[in-house]
């Protein structure tokens, strides 16, 4: 699995760079060694074609490409023509925006109740969107949420009804943690996943963590330095066990991108803690 970073809020973006959004890809690459970004549409309000292409170019120059455009739930399952048309227009514009950013996927939730009528409307609109996405070599990923896509089996049924090779899932750790069986939930969604949202919230540092790790002297032996670093335990994620969640998706063969989506209040420290904890989880799984 490859770690990437989700820019999910203006606060996260500001904590990475005070010089503006276009500077973020370079910071993410240089400071965290990550080579991919998932970008929330909340950061792009009011952006025109030039803004999107400039951000794509900045990301490409930094070696930290835009991979997934992430949209909150939209009402693709609407049973009234007006709301359905609005949702259809929205997803078509999102496909254009994802293309301009150079993304390979568009992830979005589907708002609406779990009824057969809503299910059929969602299938119809997703098929239209998938046809347009196919022409742009773009994947459409479903972010499961309450209602129509709350049950993983319902999500897989929806994917099969839409058909094609460009429709998949975008599971989320925090969402999984709120279900009755988070591990089973992830195992049922991960086989359809093109990307996974490794959402994190709050960490506790280990007792054996040095007070100033950056000031530790090198022994001059790179292999020994690496071994010494491993003696320090990674931070522990408090709200739920991310080690178990990484192991769950790996157990069904998932080996794609794992997008860090830090949702706490510790700014860049929280992103760093997320990197350390997830890298440790992947090593443990391997």
C-alpha atoms as a PDB file:
ATOM      1  CA  UNK A   1       0.000   0.000   0.000  1.00  0.00           C
ATOM      2  CA  UNK A   2       1.092   3.571  -0.726  1.00  0.00           C
ATOM      3  CA  UNK A   3       0.403   6.445   1.681  1.00  0.00           C
ATOM      4  CA  UNK A   4      -1.089   9.639   0.268  1.00  0.00           C
ATOM      5  CA  UNK A   5      -2.714  12.672   1.908  1.00  0.00           C
ATOM      6  CA  UNK A   6      -6.264  13.989   1.806  1.00  0.00           C
ATOM      7  CA  UNK A   7      -6.740  17.746   1.880  1.00  0.00           C
ATOM      8  CA  UNK A   8     -10.102  17.664   3.594  1.00  0.00           C
ATOM      9  CA  UNK A   9     -10.475  21.142   5.069  1.00  0.00           C
ATOM     10  CA  UNK A  10      -9.121  24.693   4.749  1.00  0.00           C
ATOM     11  CA  UNK A  11      -7.579  24.291   8.234  1.00  0.00           C
ATOM     12  CA  UNK A  12      -5.488  21.337   7.086  1.00  0.00           C
ATOM     13  CA  UNK A  13      -4.353  23.182   3.983  1.00  0.00           C
ATOM     14  CA  UNK A  14      -3.440  26.303   5.989  1.00  0.00           C
ATOM     15  CA  UNK A  15      -1.455  24.273   8.491  1.00  0.00           C
ATOM     16  CA  UNK A  16       0.649  22.901   5.634  1.00  0.00           C
ATOM     17  CA  UNK A  17       1.391  26.185   3.914  1.00  0.00           C
ATOM     18  CA  UNK A  18       0.691  29.855   4.574  1.00  0.00           C
ATOM     19  CA  UNK A  19       1.561  30.671   0.955  1.00  0.00           C
ATOM     20  CA  UNK A  20      -1.609  29.220  -0.511  1.00  0.00           C
ATOM     21  CA  UNK A  21      -3.019  25.973  -1.825  1.00  0.00           C
ATOM     22  CA  UNK A  22      -0.664  25.774  -4.802  1.00  0.00           C
ATOM     23  CA  UNK A  23       2.311  25.441  -2.434  1.00  0.00           C
ATOM     24  CA  UNK A  24       0.792  22.476  -0.546  1.00  0.00           C
ATOM     25  CA  UNK A  25       1.898  19.663  -2.919  1.00  0.00           C
ATOM     26  CA  UNK A  26       5.566  20.640  -2.560  1.00  0.00           C
ATOM     27  CA  UNK A  27       5.286  20.753   1.242  1.00  0.00           C
ATOM     28  CA  UNK A  28       3.537  17.371   1.343  1.00  0.00           C
ATOM     29  CA  UNK A  29       6.249  15.837  -0.820  1.00  0.00           C
ATOM     30  CA  UNK A  30       9.236  17.462   0.913  1.00  0.00           C
ATOM     31  CA  UNK A  31       8.085  17.291   4.538  1.00  0.00           C
ATOM     32  CA  UNK A  32       6.204  13.993   4.592  1.00  0.00           C
ATOM     33  CA  UNK A  33       7.597  12.083   1.622  1.00  0.00           C
ATOM     34  CA  UNK A  34       4.100  11.493   0.230  1.00  0.00           C
ATOM     35  CA  UNK A  35       3.567  11.425  -3.510  1.00  0.00           C
ATOM     36  CA  UNK A  36      -0.184  11.799  -3.934  1.00  0.00           C
ATOM     37  CA  UNK A  37      -3.121  13.987  -2.901  1.00  0.00           C
ATOM     38  CA  UNK A  38      -6.857  13.495  -2.498  1.00  0.00           C
ATOM     39  CA  UNK A  39      -8.546  16.886  -2.687  1.00  0.00           C
ATOM     40  CA  UNK A  40     -11.889  17.802  -1.119  1.00  0.00           C
ATOM     41  CA  UNK A  41     -14.171  19.965  -3.234  1.00  0.00           C
ATOM     42  CA  UNK A  42     -14.631  22.199  -0.162  1.00  0.00           C
ATOM     43  CA  UNK A  43     -11.174  23.652  -0.913  1.00  0.00           C
ATOM     44  CA  UNK A  44     -12.055  24.492  -4.502  1.00  0.00           C
ATOM     45  CA  UNK A  45     -15.147  26.655  -4.110  1.00  0.00           C
ATOM     46  CA  UNK A  46     -15.126  29.371  -6.745  1.00  0.00           C
ATOM     47  CA  UNK A  47     -12.214  27.810  -8.625  1.00  0.00           C
ATOM     48  CA  UNK A  48     -12.245  28.208 -12.406  1.00  0.00           C
ATOM     49  CA  UNK A  49     -10.549  26.089 -15.069  1.00  0.00           C
ATOM     50  CA  UNK A  50      -7.325  28.086 -14.795  1.00  0.00           C
ATOM     51  CA  UNK A  51      -7.162  27.623 -11.017  1.00  0.00           C
ATOM     52  CA  UNK A  52      -7.658  23.874 -11.343  1.00  0.00           C
ATOM     53  CA  UNK A  53      -5.071  23.415 -14.085  1.00  0.00           C
ATOM     54  CA  UNK A  54      -2.555  25.588 -12.201  1.00  0.00           C
ATOM     55  CA  UNK A  55      -2.989  23.437  -9.101  1.00  0.00           C
ATOM     56  CA  UNK A  56      -2.566  20.284 -11.196  1.00  0.00           C
ATOM     57  CA  UNK A  57       0.631  21.678 -12.722  1.00  0.00           C
ATOM     58  CA  UNK A  58       1.992  22.617  -9.277  1.00  0.00           C
ATOM     59  CA  UNK A  59       1.216  19.117  -7.994  1.00  0.00           C
ATOM     60  CA  UNK A  60       2.897  17.486 -10.988  1.00  0.00           C
ATOM     61  CA  UNK A  61       6.019  19.652 -10.595  1.00  0.00           C
ATOM     62  CA  UNK A  62       6.220  18.698  -6.932  1.00  0.00           C
ATOM     63  CA  UNK A  63       5.916  14.988  -7.691  1.00  0.00           C
ATOM     64  CA  UNK A  64       2.742  14.861  -5.599  1.00  0.00           C
ATOM     65  CA  UNK A  65      -0.064  14.360  -8.109  1.00  0.00           C
ATOM     66  CA  UNK A  66      -3.803  14.834  -7.536  1.00  0.00           C
ATOM     67  CA  UNK A  67      -5.326  11.351  -7.395  1.00  0.00           C
ATOM     68  CA  UNK A  68      -8.902  11.623  -6.099  1.00  0.00           C
ATOM     69  CA  UNK A  69     -11.402  14.479  -6.026  1.00  0.00           C
ATOM     70  CA  UNK A  70     -13.625  13.970  -2.956  1.00  0.00           C
ATOM     71  CA  UNK A  71     -17.221  15.235  -2.804  1.00  0.00           C
ATOM     72  CA  UNK A  72     -19.675  15.076   0.139  1.00  0.00           C
ATOM     73  CA  UNK A  73     -22.908  13.101  -0.410  1.00  0.00           C
ATOM     74  CA  UNK A  74     -25.113  14.343  -3.241  1.00  0.00           C
ATOM     75  CA  UNK A  75     -28.687  13.313  -3.942  1.00  0.00           C
ATOM     76  CA  UNK A  76     -28.181  10.958  -6.876  1.00  0.00           C
ATOM     77  CA  UNK A  77     -30.976   8.818  -5.458  1.00  0.00           C
ATOM     78  CA  UNK A  78     -33.521  11.663  -5.564  1.00  0.00           C
ATOM     79  CA  UNK A  79     -36.965  10.550  -6.704  1.00  0.00           C
ATOM     80  CA  UNK A  80     -38.115  14.038  -7.728  1.00  0.00           C
ATOM     81  CA  UNK A  81     -37.028  15.304 -11.178  1.00  0.00           C
ATOM     82  CA  UNK A  82     -35.774  18.704  -9.975  1.00  0.00           C
ATOM     83  CA  UNK A  83     -33.459  17.345  -7.288  1.00  0.00           C
ATOM     84  CA  UNK A  84     -32.377  14.497  -9.522  1.00  0.00           C
ATOM     85  CA  UNK A  85     -31.458  16.868 -12.338  1.00  0.00           C
ATOM     86  CA  UNK A  86     -29.470  19.046  -9.936  1.00  0.00           C
ATOM     87  CA  UNK A  87     -27.529  16.037  -8.658  1.00  0.00           C
ATOM     88  CA  UNK A  88     -26.902  14.797 -12.203  1.00  0.00           C
ATOM     89  CA  UNK A  89     -25.619  18.205 -13.255  1.00  0.00           C
ATOM     90  CA  UNK A  90     -23.370  18.320 -10.190  1.00  0.00           C
ATOM     91  CA  UNK A  91     -21.701  14.980 -10.835  1.00  0.00           C
ATOM     92  CA  UNK A  92     -21.117  15.848 -14.497  1.00  0.00           C
ATOM     93  CA  UNK A  93     -19.358  19.074 -13.468  1.00  0.00           C
ATOM     94  CA  UNK A  94     -17.337  17.156 -10.887  1.00  0.00           C
ATOM     95  CA  UNK A  95     -16.143  14.757 -13.576  1.00  0.00           C
ATOM     96  CA  UNK A  96     -14.906  17.741 -15.597  1.00  0.00           C
ATOM     97  CA  UNK A  97     -13.149  19.193 -12.539  1.00  0.00           C
ATOM     98  CA  UNK A  98     -11.493  15.881 -11.706  1.00  0.00           C
ATOM     99  CA  UNK A  99     -10.199  15.696 -15.262  1.00  0.00           C
ATOM    100  CA  UNK A 100      -8.744  19.199 -15.071  1.00  0.00           C
ATOM    101  CA  UNK A 101      -6.975  18.294 -11.821  1.00  0.00           C
ATOM    102  CA  UNK A 102      -5.493  15.182 -13.427  1.00  0.00           C
ATOM    103  CA  UNK A 103      -7.243  12.874 -10.949  1.00  0.00           C
ATOM    104  CA  UNK A 104      -7.806   9.214 -11.705  1.00  0.00           C
ATOM    105  CA  UNK A 105     -10.924   9.010  -9.509  1.00  0.00           C
ATOM    106  CA  UNK A 106     -13.925  10.952  -8.224  1.00  0.00           C
ATOM    107  CA  UNK A 107     -15.227   9.830  -4.814  1.00  0.00           C
ATOM    108  CA  UNK A 108     -18.654  10.832  -3.555  1.00  0.00           C
ATOM    109  CA  UNK A 109     -21.421   9.775  -1.205  1.00  0.00           C
ATOM    110  CA  UNK A 110     -24.970   9.111  -2.313  1.00  0.00           C
ATOM    111  CA  UNK A 111     -27.616  10.801  -0.184  1.00  0.00           C
ATOM    112  CA  UNK A 112     -31.043   9.222   0.019  1.00  0.00           C
ATOM    113  CA  UNK A 113     -33.116   6.564   1.775  1.00  0.00           C
ATOM    114  CA  UNK A 114     -32.699   2.853   1.192  1.00  0.00           C
ATOM    115  CA  UNK A 115     -35.738   2.200  -0.987  1.00  0.00           C
ATOM    116  CA  UNK A 116     -36.075   0.378  -4.297  1.00  0.00           C
ATOM    117  CA  UNK A 117     -37.160   3.545  -6.087  1.00  0.00           C
ATOM    118  CA  UNK A 118     -34.162   5.482  -4.762  1.00  0.00           C
ATOM    119  CA  UNK A 119     -31.868   2.565  -5.619  1.00  0.00           C
ATOM    120  CA  UNK A 120     -33.092   2.466  -9.223  1.00  0.00           C
ATOM    121  CA  UNK A 121     -32.667   6.237  -9.634  1.00  0.00           C
ATOM    122  CA  UNK A 122     -29.119   6.061  -8.257  1.00  0.00           C
ATOM    123  CA  UNK A 123     -28.250   3.249 -10.683  1.00  0.00           C
ATOM    124  CA  UNK A 124     -29.613   5.193 -13.646  1.00  0.00           C
ATOM    125  CA  UNK A 125     -27.727   8.378 -12.825  1.00  0.00           C
ATOM    126  CA  UNK A 126     -24.511   6.571 -11.963  1.00  0.00           C
ATOM    127  CA  UNK A 127     -24.617   4.764 -15.315  1.00  0.00           C
ATOM    128  CA  UNK A 128     -24.809   8.087 -17.139  1.00  0.00           C
ATOM    129  CA  UNK A 129     -21.952   9.477 -15.046  1.00  0.00           C
ATOM    130  CA  UNK A 130     -19.879   6.320 -15.520  1.00  0.00           C
ATOM    131  CA  UNK A 131     -20.210   6.602 -19.303  1.00  0.00           C
ATOM    132  CA  UNK A 132     -18.827  10.132 -19.218  1.00  0.00           C
ATOM    133  CA  UNK A 133     -16.116   9.140 -16.730  1.00  0.00           C
ATOM    134  CA  UNK A 134     -15.084   6.202 -18.928  1.00  0.00           C
ATOM    135  CA  UNK A 135     -14.333   8.558 -21.821  1.00  0.00           C
ATOM    136  CA  UNK A 136     -11.964  10.444 -19.504  1.00  0.00           C
ATOM    137  CA  UNK A 137     -10.433   7.294 -18.010  1.00  0.00           C
ATOM    138  CA  UNK A 138     -11.820   8.336 -14.620  1.00  0.00           C
ATOM    139  CA  UNK A 139     -13.130   6.058 -11.868  1.00  0.00           C
ATOM    140  CA  UNK A 140     -16.251   6.856  -9.846  1.00  0.00           C
ATOM    141  CA  UNK A 141     -15.944   5.714  -6.237  1.00  0.00           C
ATOM    142  CA  UNK A 142     -18.840   5.406  -3.800  1.00  0.00           C
ATOM    143  CA  UNK A 143     -18.167   6.665  -0.273  1.00  0.00           C
ATOM    144  CA  UNK A 144     -20.629   4.642   1.833  1.00  0.00           C
ATOM    145  CA  UNK A 145     -22.801   6.712   4.124  1.00  0.00           C
ATOM    146  CA  UNK A 146     -26.053   6.351   6.041  1.00  0.00           C
ATOM    147  CA  UNK A 147     -29.176   5.538   4.079  1.00  0.00           C
ATOM    148  CA  UNK A 148     -28.964   3.877   0.690  1.00  0.00           C
ATOM    149  CA  UNK A 149     -25.265   2.918   0.945  1.00  0.00           C
ATOM    150  CA  UNK A 150     -25.093   2.144   4.669  1.00  0.00           C
ATOM    151  CA  UNK A 151     -25.001  -1.636   4.149  1.00  0.00           C
ATOM    152  CA  UNK A 152     -21.895  -2.910   2.302  1.00  0.00           C
ATOM    153  CA  UNK A 153     -23.996  -5.564   0.553  1.00  0.00           C
ATOM    154  CA  UNK A 154     -26.248  -2.813  -0.792  1.00  0.00           C
ATOM    155  CA  UNK A 155     -23.174  -0.984  -2.084  1.00  0.00           C
ATOM    156  CA  UNK A 156     -21.873  -4.060  -3.896  1.00  0.00           C
ATOM    157  CA  UNK A 157     -25.348  -4.621  -5.381  1.00  0.00           C
ATOM    158  CA  UNK A 158     -25.352  -1.028  -6.621  1.00  0.00           C
ATOM    159  CA  UNK A 159     -21.918  -1.437  -8.205  1.00  0.00           C
ATOM    160  CA  UNK A 160     -22.965  -4.620  -9.988  1.00  0.00           C
ATOM    161  CA  UNK A 161     -26.142  -2.977 -11.308  1.00  0.00           C
ATOM    162  CA  UNK A 162     -24.231   0.000 -12.692  1.00  0.00           C
ATOM    163  CA  UNK A 163     -21.657  -2.319 -14.255  1.00  0.00           C
ATOM    164  CA  UNK A 164     -18.412  -1.490 -16.019  1.00  0.00           C
ATOM    165  CA  UNK A 165     -14.839  -1.293 -14.789  1.00  0.00           C
ATOM    166  CA  UNK A 166     -14.878   2.337 -13.643  1.00  0.00           C
ATOM    167  CA  UNK A 167     -17.144   2.048 -10.603  1.00  0.00           C
ATOM    168  CA  UNK A 168     -15.828   1.142  -7.151  1.00  0.00           C
ATOM    169  CA  UNK A 169     -15.733   2.092  -3.484  1.00  0.00           C
ATOM    170  CA  UNK A 170     -13.911   4.539  -1.233  1.00  0.00           C
ATOM    171  CA  UNK A 171     -14.161   3.040   2.292  1.00  0.00           C
ATOM    172  CA  UNK A 172     -13.441   5.236   5.297  1.00  0.00           C
ATOM    173  CA  UNK A 173     -11.962   4.158   8.639  1.00  0.00           C
ATOM    174  CA  UNK A 174     -14.030   6.517  10.787  1.00  0.00           C
ATOM    175  CA  UNK A 175     -17.262   5.450   9.076  1.00  0.00           C
ATOM    176  CA  UNK A 176     -16.278   1.803   9.568  1.00  0.00           C
ATOM    177  CA  UNK A 177     -15.585   2.420  13.274  1.00  0.00           C
ATOM    178  CA  UNK A 178     -19.216   3.413  13.820  1.00  0.00           C
ATOM    179  CA  UNK A 179     -20.600   0.129  12.500  1.00  0.00           C
ATOM    180  CA  UNK A 180     -21.346  -2.970  14.561  1.00  0.00           C
ATOM    181  CA  UNK A 181     -18.367  -4.859  13.092  1.00  0.00           C
ATOM    182  CA  UNK A 182     -15.773  -2.495  11.559  1.00  0.00           C
ATOM    183  CA  UNK A 183     -13.464  -5.287  10.400  1.00  0.00           C
ATOM    184  CA  UNK A 184     -16.194  -7.204   8.557  1.00  0.00           C
ATOM    185  CA  UNK A 185     -17.467  -3.912   7.110  1.00  0.00           C
ATOM    186  CA  UNK A 186     -14.073  -3.082   5.595  1.00  0.00           C
ATOM    187  CA  UNK A 187     -13.515  -6.615   4.333  1.00  0.00           C
ATOM    188  CA  UNK A 188     -16.783  -6.427   2.389  1.00  0.00           C
ATOM    189  CA  UNK A 189     -15.990  -3.050   0.800  1.00  0.00           C
ATOM    190  CA  UNK A 190     -12.232  -3.273   0.185  1.00  0.00           C
ATOM    191  CA  UNK A 191     -12.448  -5.741  -2.752  1.00  0.00           C
ATOM    192  CA  UNK A 192     -14.206  -2.987  -4.741  1.00  0.00           C
ATOM    193  CA  UNK A 193     -11.950  -0.161  -3.519  1.00  0.00           C
ATOM    194  CA  UNK A 194      -9.742   1.951  -5.789  1.00  0.00           C
ATOM    195  CA  UNK A 195      -8.635   4.021  -2.777  1.00  0.00           C
ATOM    196  CA  UNK A 196      -9.195   3.892   0.996  1.00  0.00           C
ATOM    197  CA  UNK A 197      -9.619   6.856   3.332  1.00  0.00           C
ATOM    198  CA  UNK A 198      -7.427   6.300   6.404  1.00  0.00           C
ATOM    199  CA  UNK A 199      -9.205   8.865   8.557  1.00  0.00           C
ATOM    200  CA  UNK A 200      -7.549   9.677  11.885  1.00  0.00           C
ATOM    201  CA  UNK A 201      -8.600  11.865  14.804  1.00  0.00           C
ATOM    202  CA  UNK A 202      -6.475  11.789  17.962  1.00  0.00           C
ATOM    203  CA  UNK A 203      -3.207  10.183  19.077  1.00  0.00           C
ATOM    204  CA  UNK A 204      -1.306   9.417  22.265  1.00  0.00           C
ATOM    205  CA  UNK A 205       2.468   9.403  22.015  1.00  0.00           C
ATOM    206  CA  UNK A 206       4.363   6.388  23.425  1.00  0.00           C
ATOM    207  CA  UNK A 207       6.105   6.635  26.787  1.00  0.00           C
ATOM    208  CA  UNK A 208       9.465   5.781  25.199  1.00  0.00           C
ATOM    209  CA  UNK A 209       9.327   8.639  22.687  1.00  0.00           C
ATOM    210  CA  UNK A 210      12.394  10.937  22.953  1.00  0.00           C
ATOM    211  CA  UNK A 211      11.609  14.523  23.925  1.00  0.00           C
ATOM    212  CA  UNK A 212      13.467  15.894  20.899  1.00  0.00           C
ATOM    213  CA  UNK A 213      13.794  13.142  18.282  1.00  0.00           C
ATOM    214  CA  UNK A 214      15.065  15.573  15.670  1.00  0.00           C
ATOM    215  CA  UNK A 215      18.116  16.308  17.838  1.00  0.00           C
ATOM    216  CA  UNK A 216      19.197  12.669  18.091  1.00  0.00           C
ATOM    217  CA  UNK A 217      22.731  12.169  16.823  1.00  0.00           C
ATOM    218  CA  UNK A 218      23.408   9.878  13.882  1.00  0.00           C
ATOM    219  CA  UNK A 219      25.692   6.905  14.414  1.00  0.00           C
ATOM    220  CA  UNK A 220      26.977   7.250  10.856  1.00  0.00           C
ATOM    221  CA  UNK A 221      25.538   3.844   9.995  1.00  0.00           C
ATOM    222  CA  UNK A 222      22.271   4.218   8.049  1.00  0.00           C
ATOM    223  CA  UNK A 223      21.086   0.685   8.796  1.00  0.00           C
ATOM    224  CA  UNK A 224      21.791   1.073  12.505  1.00  0.00           C
ATOM    225  CA  UNK A 225      20.047   4.466  12.570  1.00  0.00           C
ATOM    226  CA  UNK A 226      16.979   2.872  10.992  1.00  0.00           C
ATOM    227  CA  UNK A 227      16.959   0.087  13.574  1.00  0.00           C
ATOM    228  CA  UNK A 228      17.258   2.589  16.419  1.00  0.00           C
ATOM    229  CA  UNK A 229      14.322   4.566  15.066  1.00  0.00           C
ATOM    230  CA  UNK A 230      12.203   1.423  15.081  1.00  0.00           C
ATOM    231  CA  UNK A 231      12.823   1.026  18.826  1.00  0.00           C
ATOM    232  CA  UNK A 232      10.531   4.003  19.393  1.00  0.00           C
ATOM    233  CA  UNK A 233       6.910   2.886  19.379  1.00  0.00           C
ATOM    234  CA  UNK A 234       4.555   4.693  16.976  1.00  0.00           C
ATOM    235  CA  UNK A 235       1.788   6.905  18.378  1.00  0.00           C
ATOM    236  CA  UNK A 236      -1.439   5.140  19.335  1.00  0.00           C
ATOM    237  CA  UNK A 237      -4.681   6.181  17.672  1.00  0.00           C
ATOM    238  CA  UNK A 238      -7.214   6.609  20.481  1.00  0.00           C
ATOM    239  CA  UNK A 239     -10.730   6.502  18.953  1.00  0.00           C
ATOM    240  CA  UNK A 240     -10.309   3.187  17.102  1.00  0.00           C
ATOM    241  CA  UNK A 241      -7.666   0.614  16.199  1.00  0.00           C
ATOM    242  CA  UNK A 242      -6.161   1.595  12.847  1.00  0.00           C
ATOM    243  CA  UNK A 243      -3.791  -1.386  12.963  1.00  0.00           C
ATOM    244  CA  UNK A 244      -6.777  -3.719  12.824  1.00  0.00           C
ATOM    245  CA  UNK A 245      -8.331  -1.710  10.011  1.00  0.00           C
ATOM    246  CA  UNK A 246      -5.189  -1.792   7.879  1.00  0.00           C
ATOM    247  CA  UNK A 247      -4.956  -5.520   8.505  1.00  0.00           C
ATOM    248  CA  UNK A 248      -8.612  -5.925   7.493  1.00  0.00           C
ATOM    249  CA  UNK A 249      -8.225  -4.368   4.041  1.00  0.00           C
ATOM    250  CA  UNK A 250      -4.915  -6.164   3.475  1.00  0.00           C
ATOM    251  CA  UNK A 251      -6.549  -9.506   4.341  1.00  0.00           C
ATOM    252  CA  UNK A 252      -8.773  -9.284   1.254  1.00  0.00           C
ATOM    253  CA  UNK A 253      -5.915  -8.340  -1.054  1.00  0.00           C
ATOM    254  CA  UNK A 254      -6.167  -4.542  -1.081  1.00  0.00           C
ATOM    255  CA  UNK A 255      -2.808  -2.978  -1.993  1.00  0.00           C
ATOM    256  CA  UNK A 256      -3.767   0.418  -3.407  1.00  0.00           C
ATOM    257  CA  UNK A 257      -3.437   3.908  -1.938  1.00  0.00           C
ATOM    258  CA  UNK A 258      -4.175   4.627   1.714  1.00  0.00           C
ATOM    259  CA  UNK A 259      -5.090   8.296   1.997  1.00  0.00           C
ATOM    260  CA  UNK A 260      -4.336   9.932   5.346  1.00  0.00           C
ATOM    261  CA  UNK A 261      -7.315  12.113   6.286  1.00  0.00           C
ATOM    262  CA  UNK A 262      -6.448  13.756   9.598  1.00  0.00           C
ATOM    263  CA  UNK A 263      -9.615  15.166  11.228  1.00  0.00           C
ATOM    264  CA  UNK A 264      -8.269  16.253  14.601  1.00  0.00           C
ATOM    265  CA  UNK A 265      -7.052  19.588  15.962  1.00  0.00           C
ATOM    266  CA  UNK A 266      -3.272  19.087  16.115  1.00  0.00           C
ATOM    267  CA  UNK A 267      -2.462  20.474  12.657  1.00  0.00           C
ATOM    268  CA  UNK A 268       0.758  19.270  11.075  1.00  0.00           C
ATOM    269  CA  UNK A 269       1.612  17.255  14.203  1.00  0.00           C
ATOM    270  CA  UNK A 270      -1.516  15.186  13.644  1.00  0.00           C
ATOM    271  CA  UNK A 271      -0.524  14.545  10.041  1.00  0.00           C
ATOM    272  CA  UNK A 272       2.941  13.454  11.163  1.00  0.00           C
ATOM    273  CA  UNK A 273       1.459  11.167  13.813  1.00  0.00           C
ATOM    274  CA  UNK A 274      -0.887   9.694  11.194  1.00  0.00           C
ATOM    275  CA  UNK A 275       2.065   8.981   8.897  1.00  0.00           C
ATOM    276  CA  UNK A 276       4.033   7.269  11.676  1.00  0.00           C
ATOM    277  CA  UNK A 277       1.098   5.192  12.911  1.00  0.00           C
ATOM    278  CA  UNK A 278      -0.009   4.061   9.450  1.00  0.00           C
ATOM    279  CA  UNK A 279       3.522   3.219   8.324  1.00  0.00           C
ATOM    280  CA  UNK A 280       3.879   1.069  11.443  1.00  0.00           C
ATOM    281  CA  UNK A 281       0.509  -0.573  10.762  1.00  0.00           C
ATOM    282  CA  UNK A 282       1.528  -1.432   7.198  1.00  0.00           C
ATOM    283  CA  UNK A 283       4.864  -2.858   8.366  1.00  0.00           C
ATOM    284  CA  UNK A 284       3.081  -4.941  10.994  1.00  0.00           C
ATOM    285  CA  UNK A 285       0.629  -6.236   8.393  1.00  0.00           C
ATOM    286  CA  UNK A 286       3.414  -7.064   5.949  1.00  0.00           C
END
